[in-house]
Amino acid sequence: MSLSGKIAIVTGPGQGIGKAIALTLAQRGADLVIVDKNAETVQATKGEIEKLGRKVIAFQTDVTDFDQVKEMTNDIISNFGKVDILVNNVGWDRIEPFLENTTEYWDFIIALNLKSQIYCSRAVLDHMIENGKGKIINLGSDAGRVGSAGETCYAGAKGGVIAFTKSLAREMARYKINVNCVSPGPTNTPQYQAQPEKIRQALERAIPFRRVARPEEIAAAVAFFASSDADYLTGQVLSVSGGLTMVD
């Protein structure tokens, strides 16, 4: 599944799943554009990609601001000449009962987890349509497929990502643009490690493989969708959850 000669944008690559995605795509030959609001973490990931011998540009961009996203995309095309792959990875959640959520929390969760994917997708589509090809891979969540107590607004936003993926895939198929979704289950990220040990143990007992995913395992699913092996796949949602969810 070589990605040699491809230019890939990855949002939220500073740590966890996003960092693993950026490094995996680089290891498979892609040159990278990495996008994060946190300048320190994005620069650290940039250094690791450079050690792999790949070209990489880092942007400090707020992907919940459409004007910033459009400006960034124009800069990317000016620098690289094209965009082959967009990975909408950036996201965040906090475990909290719905009745305790504030309206500010709702707005932030929806903007970061759903609107950012809409914005970034729209920003690259004119270019991909002109090229007659492109791969968009959205990061959903199994919370968006089956629901999750304490993550109600997040689950709603990720459910929106899944529906957005399927609908956009239908519209973009005529332009030979593939749009797919990777839907992680619990994954060993810094956010997961911050959860109380009791919650982590309960999750691990519930997963048939008796462990949570490694970020690299989510990244491998993204790399598959980005590769030519997935050229005939669009509008698909791939759950990477160790069997925790097995619904259609």
Protein backbone atom coordinates (compact mmCIF):
# COMPACT_ATOMS: atom_id res chain seq x y z
CA MET A 1 0.00 0.00 0.00
CA SER A 2 2.57 2.54 -1.14
CA LEU A 3 1.60 6.21 -0.95
CA SER A 4 4.69 7.41 -2.77
CA GLY A 5 4.12 10.69 -4.59
CA LYS A 6 0.98 11.52 -2.61
CA ILE A 7 0.37 14.70 -0.62
CA ALA A 8 -1.68 14.15 2.53
CA ILE A 9 -3.21 16.65 4.96
CA VAL A 10 -3.70 15.38 8.51
CA THR A 11 -5.48 17.50 11.11
CA GLY A 12 -4.77 17.11 14.81
CA PRO A 13 -1.41 15.29 14.45
CA GLY A 14 0.13 16.41 17.72
CA GLN A 15 -0.46 13.23 19.69
CA GLY A 16 -2.42 10.00 19.90
CA ILE A 17 -4.29 8.79 16.82
CA GLY A 18 -3.47 11.86 14.71
CA LYS A 19 0.26 11.53 15.28
CA ALA A 20 0.15 7.83 14.47
CA ILE A 21 -1.75 8.58 11.23
CA ALA A 22 0.77 11.21 10.13
CA LEU A 23 3.74 8.95 10.82
CA THR A 24 2.12 5.92 9.17
CA LEU A 25 1.33 7.84 5.98
CA ALA A 26 4.90 9.17 5.94
CA GLN A 27 6.32 5.67 6.44
CA ARG A 28 4.32 4.56 3.39
CA GLY A 29 5.82 7.28 1.23
CA ALA A 30 3.46 10.25 1.44
CA ASP A 31 4.59 13.82 1.96
CA LEU A 32 2.68 15.52 4.73
CA VAL A 33 0.86 18.70 5.63
CA ILE A 34 0.09 18.59 9.34
CA VAL A 35 -2.39 20.99 10.88
CA ASP A 36 -2.92 21.76 14.55
CA LYS A 37 -3.81 24.70 16.75
CA ASN A 38 -1.04 23.70 19.17
CA ALA A 39 2.25 24.94 17.68
CA GLU A 40 4.45 22.97 20.08
CA THR A 41 2.97 19.52 19.41
CA VAL A 42 2.68 20.01 15.65
CA GLN A 43 6.34 21.01 15.44
CA ALA A 44 7.33 17.91 17.42
CA THR A 45 5.47 15.67 14.97
CA LYS A 46 7.03 17.58 12.06
CA GLY A 47 10.48 16.69 13.37
CA GLU A 48 9.63 12.98 13.51
CA ILE A 49 8.32 13.01 9.94
CA GLU A 50 11.48 14.74 8.72
CA LYS A 51 13.54 11.96 10.30
CA LEU A 52 11.66 9.56 8.03
CA GLY A 53 12.96 11.49 5.03
CA ARG A 54 9.59 12.86 3.94
CA LYS A 55 8.68 16.44 3.04
CA VAL A 56 6.43 18.06 5.61
CA ILE A 57 4.87 21.46 6.23
CA ALA A 58 3.26 22.32 9.56
CA PHE A 59 0.40 24.80 9.87
CA GLN A 60 -0.85 26.32 13.11
CA THR A 61 -4.51 26.64 12.12
CA ASP A 62 -7.83 26.69 13.93
CA VAL A 63 -9.86 24.25 11.84
CA THR A 64 -13.10 25.51 13.39
CA ASP A 65 -12.54 28.79 11.51
CA PHE A 66 -13.48 28.40 7.84
CA ASP A 67 -11.52 31.48 6.75
CA GLN A 68 -8.35 30.08 8.30
CA VAL A 69 -8.98 26.70 6.69
CA LYS A 70 -9.42 28.24 3.22
CA GLU A 71 -6.25 30.32 3.59
CA MET A 72 -4.31 27.26 4.72
CA THR A 73 -5.56 25.18 1.79
CA ASN A 74 -4.53 27.85 -0.71
CA ASP A 75 -1.05 27.92 0.86
CA ILE A 76 -0.81 24.11 0.66
CA ILE A 77 -1.66 24.06 -3.04
CA SER A 78 0.84 26.88 -3.66
CA ASN A 79 3.58 24.93 -1.88
CA PHE A 80 2.86 21.37 -3.02
CA GLY A 81 0.80 21.93 -6.18
CA LYS A 82 -1.84 19.39 -5.18
CA VAL A 83 -3.72 17.61 -2.41
CA ASP A 84 -4.32 13.87 -2.83
CA ILE A 85 -5.51 12.88 0.65
CA LEU A 86 -7.32 14.67 3.46
CA VAL A 87 -7.56 13.03 6.87
CA ASN A 88 -10.05 14.81 9.12
CA ASN A 89 -8.74 13.52 12.43
CA VAL A 90 -8.92 16.43 14.87
CA GLY A 91 -11.37 15.91 17.72
CA TRP A 92 -11.85 16.01 21.46
CA ASP A 93 -14.23 14.78 24.13
CA ARG A 94 -14.83 14.92 27.86
CA ILE A 95 -16.77 12.32 29.83
CA GLU A 96 -19.61 14.21 31.48
CA PRO A 97 -23.35 13.63 31.99
CA PHE A 98 -25.46 15.44 29.40
CA LEU A 99 -27.41 17.30 32.11
CA GLU A 100 -24.16 18.85 33.31
CA ASN A 101 -23.09 20.13 29.86
CA THR A 102 -22.98 23.86 29.21
CA THR A 103 -24.08 25.42 25.94
CA GLU A 104 -20.47 26.53 25.41
CA TYR A 105 -19.39 22.89 25.69
CA TRP A 106 -22.00 21.81 23.12
CA ASP A 107 -20.87 24.49 20.68
CA PHE A 108 -17.21 23.55 21.07
CA ILE A 109 -17.80 19.79 20.71
CA ILE A 110 -19.88 20.24 17.55
CA ALA A 111 -17.47 22.77 16.04
CA LEU A 112 -14.35 20.68 16.65
CA ASN A 113 -15.69 17.22 15.90
CA LEU A 114 -18.12 17.93 13.05
CA LYS A 115 -17.80 21.43 11.61
CA SER A 116 -14.03 21.15 11.23
CA GLN A 117 -14.50 18.12 8.98
CA ILE A 118 -17.10 19.95 6.91
CA TYR A 119 -14.82 22.99 6.58
CA CYS A 120 -11.68 21.07 5.62
CA SER A 121 -13.54 18.87 3.17
CA ARG A 122 -15.13 21.83 1.44
CA ALA A 123 -11.79 23.63 1.25
CA VAL A 124 -10.07 20.83 -0.71
CA LEU A 125 -12.96 19.71 -2.91
CA ASP A 126 -12.67 22.25 -5.72
CA HIS A 127 -9.04 21.23 -6.20
CA MET A 128 -9.82 17.49 -6.04
CA ILE A 129 -12.69 17.88 -8.49
CA GLU A 130 -10.38 19.71 -10.91
CA ASN A 131 -7.85 16.88 -10.55
CA GLY A 132 -10.53 14.23 -11.02
CA LYS A 133 -9.47 12.26 -7.97
CA GLY A 134 -8.90 12.44 -4.22
CA LYS A 135 -9.32 10.59 -0.94
CA ILE A 136 -11.10 12.03 2.11
CA ILE A 137 -10.96 9.96 5.29
CA ASN A 138 -13.02 11.17 8.23
CA LEU A 139 -12.46 10.02 11.80
CA GLY A 140 -15.74 9.07 13.40
CA SER A 141 -16.22 7.10 16.61
CA ASP A 142 -18.13 4.04 17.65
CA ALA A 143 -19.84 6.39 20.12
CA GLY A 144 -21.48 7.84 17.01
CA ARG A 145 -22.56 4.40 15.79
CA VAL A 146 -24.07 2.97 18.98
CA GLY A 147 -24.18 5.83 21.53
CA SER A 148 -22.18 6.25 24.69
CA ALA A 149 -23.31 7.39 28.14
CA GLY A 150 -21.41 10.47 29.27
CA GLU A 151 -20.55 11.36 25.67
CA THR A 152 -23.96 12.30 24.34
CA CYS A 153 -23.09 15.49 22.49
CA TYR A 154 -19.83 13.99 21.23
CA ALA A 155 -21.70 10.91 20.02
CA GLY A 156 -24.17 13.18 18.24
CA ALA A 157 -21.33 15.05 16.50
CA LYS A 158 -19.61 11.82 15.46
CA GLY A 159 -22.93 10.42 14.27
CA GLY A 160 -23.08 13.53 12.13
CA VAL A 161 -19.60 12.74 10.78
CA ILE A 162 -20.80 9.30 9.71
CA ALA A 163 -23.89 10.69 7.94
CA PHE A 164 -21.79 13.48 6.39
CA THR A 165 -19.33 10.89 5.08
CA LYS A 166 -22.02 8.79 3.41
CA SER A 167 -23.81 11.75 1.87
CA LEU A 168 -20.64 13.44 0.62
CA ALA A 169 -19.49 10.13 -0.85
CA ARG A 170 -22.66 9.96 -2.95
CA GLU A 171 -22.19 13.50 -4.24
CA MET A 172 -18.46 13.12 -4.98
CA ALA A 173 -18.48 9.70 -6.66
CA ARG A 174 -19.12 11.30 -10.08
CA TYR A 175 -15.79 13.14 -9.65
CA LYS A 176 -13.88 9.96 -8.69
CA ILE A 177 -13.37 11.21 -5.13
CA ASN A 178 -13.57 8.59 -2.38
CA VAL A 179 -15.00 9.59 1.00
CA ASN A 180 -14.80 7.06 3.83
CA CYS A 181 -14.84 6.96 7.62
CA VAL A 182 -12.70 5.16 10.19
CA SER A 183 -14.61 4.68 13.43
CA PRO A 184 -12.33 3.95 16.40
CA GLY A 185 -13.37 2.32 19.59
CA PRO A 186 -11.45 2.96 22.82
CA THR A 187 -7.82 3.67 21.95
CA ASN A 188 -4.70 4.06 24.08
CA THR A 189 -4.23 7.82 23.75
CA PRO A 190 -3.31 10.45 26.36
CA GLN A 191 -7.01 11.25 26.67
CA TYR A 192 -7.77 7.58 27.41
CA GLN A 193 -4.95 7.36 29.96
CA ALA A 194 -6.45 10.37 31.77
CA GLN A 195 -9.61 8.38 32.53
CA PRO A 196 -9.96 6.78 35.99
CA GLU A 197 -8.43 3.33 36.19
CA LYS A 198 -11.82 1.81 37.05
CA ILE A 199 -13.29 3.05 33.76
CA ARG A 200 -10.30 1.82 31.77
CA GLN A 201 -10.47 -1.63 33.33
CA ALA A 202 -14.20 -1.89 32.64
CA LEU A 203 -13.68 -0.98 28.99
CA GLU A 204 -10.90 -3.50 28.55
CA ARG A 205 -13.07 -6.27 30.07
CA ALA A 206 -15.89 -5.40 27.66
CA ILE A 207 -13.71 -5.66 24.53
CA PRO A 208 -13.46 -9.23 23.15
CA PHE A 209 -9.70 -8.84 22.62
CA ARG A 210 -9.43 -7.63 26.24
CA ARG A 211 -7.44 -4.55 25.34
CA VAL A 212 -7.96 -1.15 23.76
CA ALA A 213 -6.57 -0.29 20.33
CA ARG A 214 -3.11 1.07 19.74
CA PRO A 215 -3.10 4.36 17.78
CA GLU A 216 -1.09 2.62 15.05
CA GLU A 217 -3.97 0.19 14.50
CA ILE A 218 -6.35 3.06 13.77
CA ALA A 219 -3.71 4.61 11.51
CA ALA A 220 -3.42 1.37 9.51
CA ALA A 221 -7.14 1.55 8.68
CA VAL A 222 -6.73 5.17 7.54
CA ALA A 223 -3.74 4.22 5.38
CA PHE A 224 -5.82 1.48 3.74
CA PHE A 225 -8.56 3.93 2.76
CA ALA A 226 -5.88 6.34 1.48
CA SER A 227 -4.29 3.68 -0.73
CA SER A 228 -5.14 2.43 -4.22
CA ASP A 229 -6.35 -0.82 -2.60
CA ALA A 230 -9.48 1.12 -1.55
CA ASP A 231 -10.16 2.78 -4.92
CA TYR A 232 -13.55 1.05 -5.24
CA LEU A 233 -14.66 1.83 -1.69
CA THR A 234 -16.66 4.94 -0.84
CA GLY A 235 -19.23 5.88 1.78
CA GLN A 236 -17.98 3.13 4.07
CA VAL A 237 -17.57 3.16 7.87
CA LEU A 238 -14.85 0.87 9.21
CA SER A 239 -15.10 0.17 12.93
CA VAL A 240 -11.76 -0.51 14.60
CA SER A 241 -12.88 -1.54 18.06
CA GLY A 242 -11.56 -5.03 18.81
CA GLY A 243 -15.09 -6.36 18.47
CA LEU A 244 -16.62 -4.06 21.10
CA THR A 245 -19.30 -3.07 18.59
CA MET A 246 -20.62 -5.54 16.01
CA VAL A 247 -23.67 -3.79 14.60
CA ASP A 248 -24.47 -3.16 10.94
